[in-house]
Amino acid sequence: MTHRDYSNTGEYIIVKLFDDRLEILSPGKLSGFITLENMKTERYSRNPQIARVLTEFGIVRELNEGVKRIYSEMQRFYLKDPIYSEPNQHSVLLVLDNNIVMRSKRKNETMLKK
């Protein structure tokens, strides 16, 4: 809701679930000065009023938390970093890889080291 580009009428957020990954395609290119390279550290709100309301209702915790949280959660579950891309001029694609075998192996190796 917060990140959607509402000027792109007729387009929807598309979520695809595969055995090995989750793909989220969101209408609207990256906002403002945000790039694929700086999105982990920089913040720009496309819909600041929606973001504020969601924060006040406790639906989101704070601004600029989502990308950092995705990275940390993927690391916590021993998965690859998220992959962001702009497959066309008017959308952003997020791919979250899942590898159950390697995730279990890395978790066991980490536990053995401790």
Foldseek 3Di string as FASTA:
>chain_A
DFAADPVPPPDDWDWDDDPWKIKTKHWFDDDDPDDQVCLLPDFDTPRVVVVVVCCVVVVDPDGSPVQPVQQVVCVVQVHDRWDWDDPDDTIIMIMGTHDPVRSVVVVVVVVVVD
